[in-house]
C-alpha atoms as a PDB file:
ATOM      1  CA  MET A   1     -35.770  21.592 -23.834  1.00  0.00           C
ATOM      2  CA  MET A   2     -33.044  23.451 -21.941  1.00  0.00           C
ATOM      3  CA  ARG A   3     -34.978  22.694 -18.764  1.00  0.00           C
ATOM      4  CA  ILE A   4     -34.519  18.959 -19.248  1.00  0.00           C
ATOM      5  CA  VAL A   5     -31.035  18.851 -20.563  1.00  0.00           C
ATOM      6  CA  LEU A   6     -29.411  21.064 -17.910  1.00  0.00           C
ATOM      7  CA  PRO A   7     -30.619  19.289 -14.819  1.00  0.00           C
ATOM      8  CA  ALA A   8     -29.710  16.096 -16.627  1.00  0.00           C
ATOM      9  CA  LEU A   9     -26.134  17.094 -17.521  1.00  0.00           C
ATOM     10  CA  PHE A  10     -25.760  18.444 -13.901  1.00  0.00           C
ATOM     11  CA  SER A  11     -26.870  15.246 -12.498  1.00  0.00           C
ATOM     12  CA  LEU A  12     -24.265  13.310 -14.802  1.00  0.00           C
ATOM     13  CA  MET A  13     -21.389  15.500 -13.702  1.00  0.00           C
ATOM     14  CA  LEU A  14     -22.154  14.787 -10.056  1.00  0.00           C
ATOM     15  CA  ILE A  15     -22.342  11.030 -10.810  1.00  0.00           C
ATOM     16  CA  ALA A  16     -19.232  11.190 -12.267  1.00  0.00           C
ATOM     17  CA  ALA A  17     -17.603  13.379  -9.486  1.00  0.00           C
ATOM     18  CA  ALA A  18     -18.771  11.190  -7.048  1.00  0.00           C
ATOM     19  CA  CYS A  19     -17.437   7.915  -8.755  1.00  0.00           C
ATOM     20  CA  SER A  20     -13.821   9.441  -9.195  1.00  0.00           C
ATOM     21  CA  ALA A  21     -13.549  10.881  -5.898  1.00  0.00           C
ATOM     22  CA  ASP A  22     -12.891   7.396  -4.131  1.00  0.00           C
ATOM     23  CA  ASN A  23      -9.327   7.105  -3.324  1.00  0.00           C
ATOM     24  CA  HIS A  24      -9.529   3.640  -2.108  1.00  0.00           C
ATOM     25  CA  ALA A  25     -10.685   2.059  -5.177  1.00  0.00           C
ATOM     26  CA  GLU A  26     -11.965  -0.809  -3.169  1.00  0.00           C
ATOM     27  CA  SER A  27     -14.332  -3.607  -4.056  1.00  0.00           C
ATOM     28  CA  THR A  28     -15.668  -6.290  -2.036  1.00  0.00           C
ATOM     29  CA  ALA A  29     -14.485  -9.793  -3.493  1.00  0.00           C
ATOM     30  CA  ASP A  30     -16.498 -11.804  -0.796  1.00  0.00           C
ATOM     31  CA  ALA A  31     -17.633 -11.114   2.673  1.00  0.00           C
ATOM     32  CA  GLU A  32     -14.246 -11.579   4.155  1.00  0.00           C
ATOM     33  CA  GLN A  33     -12.127 -10.093   1.416  1.00  0.00           C
ATOM     34  CA  THR A  34     -11.643  -6.381   0.133  1.00  0.00           C
ATOM     35  CA  VAL A  35      -9.477  -5.483  -2.590  1.00  0.00           C
ATOM     36  CA  PHE A  36      -7.823  -2.034  -2.673  1.00  0.00           C
ATOM     37  CA  GLY A  37      -6.384  -0.740  -5.924  1.00  0.00           C
ATOM     38  CA  ALA A  38      -6.368  -2.895  -8.993  1.00  0.00           C
ATOM     39  CA  ALA A  39      -8.115  -6.131  -8.982  1.00  0.00           C
ATOM     40  CA  PHE A  40      -5.819  -9.401  -9.499  1.00  0.00           C
ATOM     41  CA  THR A  41      -6.166 -13.189  -9.792  1.00  0.00           C
ATOM     42  CA  PRO A  42      -4.459 -14.588  -7.029  1.00  0.00           C
ATOM     43  CA  ALA A  43      -1.769 -17.184  -8.524  1.00  0.00           C
ATOM     44  CA  SER A  44       1.478 -18.529  -7.548  1.00  0.00           C
ATOM     45  CA  TYR A  45       2.824 -16.100  -4.685  1.00  0.00           C
ATOM     46  CA  PHE A  46       5.654 -15.602  -2.477  1.00  0.00           C
ATOM     47  CA  THR A  47       5.687 -15.503   1.185  1.00  0.00           C
ATOM     48  CA  VAL A  48       7.608 -12.488   2.642  1.00  0.00           C
ATOM     49  CA  ASP A  49      10.411 -14.924   3.837  1.00  0.00           C
ATOM     50  CA  GLU A  50      10.646 -16.340   0.145  1.00  0.00           C
ATOM     51  CA  LEU A  51      10.604 -12.758  -1.463  1.00  0.00           C
ATOM     52  CA  PHE A  52      12.788 -10.960   0.622  1.00  0.00           C
ATOM     53  CA  PRO A  53      16.184 -12.484  -0.549  1.00  0.00           C
ATOM     54  CA  LEU A  54      15.099 -12.055  -4.298  1.00  0.00           C
ATOM     55  CA  ILE A  55      14.738  -8.144  -4.050  1.00  0.00           C
ATOM     56  CA  THR A  56      17.425  -6.413  -5.708  1.00  0.00           C
ATOM     57  CA  ALA A  57      18.271  -2.684  -6.808  1.00  0.00           C
ATOM     58  CA  GLN A  58      16.643  -3.584 -10.020  1.00  0.00           C
ATOM     59  CA  GLU A  59      12.740  -3.214 -10.377  1.00  0.00           C
ATOM     60  CA  SER A  60      11.411  -6.670 -10.383  1.00  0.00           C
ATOM     61  CA  GLU A  61       8.786  -8.217 -12.521  1.00  0.00           C
ATOM     62  CA  PRO A  62       5.192  -8.250 -11.122  1.00  0.00           C
ATOM     63  CA  VAL A  63       5.120 -10.896  -8.296  1.00  0.00           C
ATOM     64  CA  GLN A  64       2.486 -11.702  -5.772  1.00  0.00           C
ATOM     65  CA  VAL A  65       3.258 -11.917  -2.006  1.00  0.00           C
ATOM     66  CA  LYS A  66       1.225 -12.886   1.016  1.00  0.00           C
ATOM     67  CA  GLY A  67       2.014 -11.828   4.362  1.00  0.00           C
ATOM     68  CA  GLU A  68       0.858 -10.231   7.775  1.00  0.00           C
ATOM     69  CA  VAL A  69       0.578  -6.534   8.128  1.00  0.00           C
ATOM     70  CA  ILE A  70       2.952  -5.485  11.096  1.00  0.00           C
ATOM     71  CA  GLN A  71       2.264  -1.528  10.670  1.00  0.00           C
ATOM     72  CA  VAL A  72       0.578   1.108   8.726  1.00  0.00           C
ATOM     73  CA  CYS A  73       0.791   4.649   8.039  1.00  0.00           C
ATOM     74  CA  GLN A  74      -1.509   6.362  10.689  1.00  0.00           C
ATOM     75  CA  THR A  75      -1.878   9.702   8.805  1.00  0.00           C
ATOM     76  CA  LYS A  76      -3.965   8.162   5.876  1.00  0.00           C
ATOM     77  CA  GLY A  77      -2.752   4.342   5.230  1.00  0.00           C
ATOM     78  CA  CYS A  78      -0.375   5.505   2.260  1.00  0.00           C
ATOM     79  CA  TRP A  79       2.021   2.604   3.398  1.00  0.00           C
ATOM     80  CA  LEU A  80       2.257  -0.619   5.166  1.00  0.00           C
ATOM     81  CA  THR A  81       5.208  -2.859   6.272  1.00  0.00           C
ATOM     82  CA  LEU A  82       5.476  -6.732   6.183  1.00  0.00           C
ATOM     83  CA  GLN A  83       8.196  -8.425   7.782  1.00  0.00           C
ATOM     84  CA  THR A  84      10.248 -11.587   7.467  1.00  0.00           C
ATOM     85  CA  SER A  85      10.458 -14.381  10.248  1.00  0.00           C
ATOM     86  CA  ASP A  86      13.879 -12.760  11.423  1.00  0.00           C
ATOM     87  CA  GLU A  87      12.456  -9.153  11.434  1.00  0.00           C
ATOM     88  CA  LYS A  88      13.490  -7.713   7.998  1.00  0.00           C
ATOM     89  CA  SER A  89      10.995  -5.197   6.983  1.00  0.00           C
ATOM     90  CA  VAL A  90       9.584  -4.712   3.458  1.00  0.00           C
ATOM     91  CA  ARG A  91       8.033  -1.217   3.067  1.00  0.00           C
ATOM     92  CA  VAL A  92       4.838  -1.345   0.903  1.00  0.00           C
ATOM     93  CA  THR A  93       3.810   1.651  -0.976  1.00  0.00           C
ATOM     94  CA  PHE A  94       0.587   2.034  -3.457  1.00  0.00           C
ATOM     95  CA  LYS A  95       1.209   2.462  -7.322  1.00  0.00           C
ATOM     96  CA  ASP A  96       1.099   6.036  -8.201  1.00  0.00           C
ATOM     97  CA  TYR A  97      -0.602   6.771  -4.947  1.00  0.00           C
ATOM     98  CA  GLU A  98      -3.778   5.958  -6.286  1.00  0.00           C
ATOM     99  CA  PHE A  99      -5.189   4.227  -3.260  1.00  0.00           C
ATOM    100  CA  PHE A 100      -4.593   3.579   0.438  1.00  0.00           C
ATOM    101  CA  VAL A 101      -5.708   0.974   2.946  1.00  0.00           C
ATOM    102  CA  PRO A 102      -7.235   1.196   6.222  1.00  0.00           C
ATOM    103  CA  MET A 103      -5.042   2.427   8.866  1.00  0.00           C
ATOM    104  CA  ASP A 104      -6.381  -0.443  11.437  1.00  0.00           C
ATOM    105  CA  ILE A 105      -5.263  -3.514   9.665  1.00  0.00           C
ATOM    106  CA  ALA A 106      -2.091  -4.234  11.261  1.00  0.00           C
ATOM    107  CA  GLY A 107      -2.260  -8.046  12.249  1.00  0.00           C
ATOM    108  CA  ARG A 108      -4.273  -8.878   9.084  1.00  0.00           C
ATOM    109  CA  GLU A 109      -3.069 -11.084   6.384  1.00  0.00           C
ATOM    110  CA  VAL A 110      -2.948  -9.522   2.815  1.00  0.00           C
ATOM    111  CA  MET A 111      -2.218 -10.660  -0.513  1.00  0.00           C
ATOM    112  CA  MET A 112      -0.650  -8.117  -3.052  1.00  0.00           C
ATOM    113  CA  GLU A 113       0.560  -7.932  -6.441  1.00  0.00           C
ATOM    114  CA  GLY A 114       3.381  -5.664  -7.469  1.00  0.00           C
ATOM    115  CA  ILE A 115       7.028  -4.953  -8.239  1.00  0.00           C
ATOM    116  CA  THR A 116      10.200  -5.143  -5.594  1.00  0.00           C
ATOM    117  CA  TRP A 117      13.459  -3.250  -5.340  1.00  0.00           C
ATOM    118  CA  MET A 118      15.902  -1.915  -2.836  1.00  0.00           C
ATOM    119  CA  GLU A 119      17.511   1.476  -2.469  1.00  0.00           C
ATOM    120  CA  GLU A 120      19.092   3.624   0.098  1.00  0.00           C
ATOM    121  CA  THR A 121      16.599   5.547   2.248  1.00  0.00           C
ATOM    122  CA  SER A 122      17.883   8.819   3.838  1.00  0.00           C
ATOM    123  CA  VAL A 123      17.662   9.949   7.460  1.00  0.00           C
ATOM    124  CA  ASP A 124      14.797  12.491   6.595  1.00  0.00           C
ATOM    125  CA  HIS A 125      12.659   9.646   4.911  1.00  0.00           C
ATOM    126  CA  GLN A 126      13.194   7.389   7.613  1.00  0.00           C
ATOM    127  CA  ARG A 127      12.237   9.990  10.305  1.00  0.00           C
ATOM    128  CA  HIS A 128       9.168  10.685   8.096  1.00  0.00           C
ATOM    129  CA  TYR A 129       7.959   7.138   8.304  1.00  0.00           C
ATOM    130  CA  LEU A 130       8.495   6.871  11.740  1.00  0.00           C
ATOM    131  CA  GLU A 131       6.315  10.317  12.439  1.00  0.00           C
ATOM    132  CA  ASP A 132       3.546   8.680  10.228  1.00  0.00           C
ATOM    133  CA  ALA A 133       3.600   5.521  12.339  1.00  0.00           C
ATOM    134  CA  ASN A 134       3.301   7.769  15.537  1.00  0.00           C
ATOM    135  CA  ALA A 135       6.814   6.902  16.933  1.00  0.00           C
ATOM    136  CA  SER A 136       8.191   8.776  20.034  1.00  0.00           C
ATOM    137  CA  ALA A 137      10.438  11.671  19.499  1.00  0.00           C
ATOM    138  CA  GLU A 138      13.291   9.525  20.989  1.00  0.00           C
ATOM    139  CA  GLU A 139      12.950   6.804  18.060  1.00  0.00           C
ATOM    140  CA  ILE A 140      12.767   9.324  15.638  1.00  0.00           C
ATOM    141  CA  SER A 141      15.821  11.278  16.792  1.00  0.00           C
ATOM    142  CA  ALA A 142      17.951   8.087  17.084  1.00  0.00           C
ATOM    143  CA  ILE A 143      17.769   7.925  13.108  1.00  0.00           C
ATOM    144  CA  THR A 144      21.150   9.526  12.237  1.00  0.00           C
ATOM    145  CA  GLU A 145      22.312   7.333   9.015  1.00  0.00           C
ATOM    146  CA  PRO A 146      20.831   6.484   5.690  1.00  0.00           C
ATOM    147  CA  LYS A 147      20.035   2.678   5.295  1.00  0.00           C
ATOM    148  CA  ILE A 148      19.218   0.213   2.521  1.00  0.00           C
ATOM    149  CA  SER A 149      15.476  -0.564   2.515  1.00  0.00           C
ATOM    150  CA  TYR A 150      13.429  -3.048   0.592  1.00  0.00           C
ATOM    151  CA  TYR A 151      10.274  -1.942  -0.957  1.00  0.00           C
ATOM    152  CA  PHE A 152       7.233  -3.438  -2.558  1.00  0.00           C
ATOM    153  CA  GLU A 153       4.902  -1.149  -4.860  1.00  0.00           C
ATOM    154  CA  ALA A 154       1.670  -2.817  -4.880  1.00  0.00           C
ATOM    155  CA  ALA A 155      -0.811  -2.267  -7.773  1.00  0.00           C
ATOM    156  CA  GLY A 156      -3.482  -4.118  -5.848  1.00  0.00           C
ATOM    157  CA  VAL A 157      -3.919  -5.387  -2.142  1.00  0.00           C
ATOM    158  CA  VAL A 158      -6.391  -8.001  -0.958  1.00  0.00           C
ATOM    159  CA  LEU A 159      -7.314  -8.161   2.538  1.00  0.00           C
ATOM    160  CA  LEU A 160      -7.714 -11.796   3.484  1.00  0.00           C
END
């Protein structure tokens, strides 16, 4: 009996470990759309231009936004940026650091669901983000003052 139970238990543990090890938590919605993080039903959404003026220091209620990815963390895909038509940036992070996105999606459209806020970003954090983006030493050393930054924490991201 023990010869059957132990191998079966070990197999179940391996399967459970393999299933929980996927940081991307992705699923394919169809041939052209991949979901990272929590799946959501696309509904009424904002463009980046529409959303930007609504971002305040208070965390927003969950909203959906659609836009083009401008930049992605080149270390592991742990953040991306969107941009308004007048080149104001919104930094997107991922809820509870539970998932990442591919590092090669700059130029792709995404739909996301999450919350927004703005806050002051320290010099150290700004430099860290530039390092993640493989910026030059000159760009990194040019950062000398904190700045107000605009954030979106995505619970789910759909590549369109």
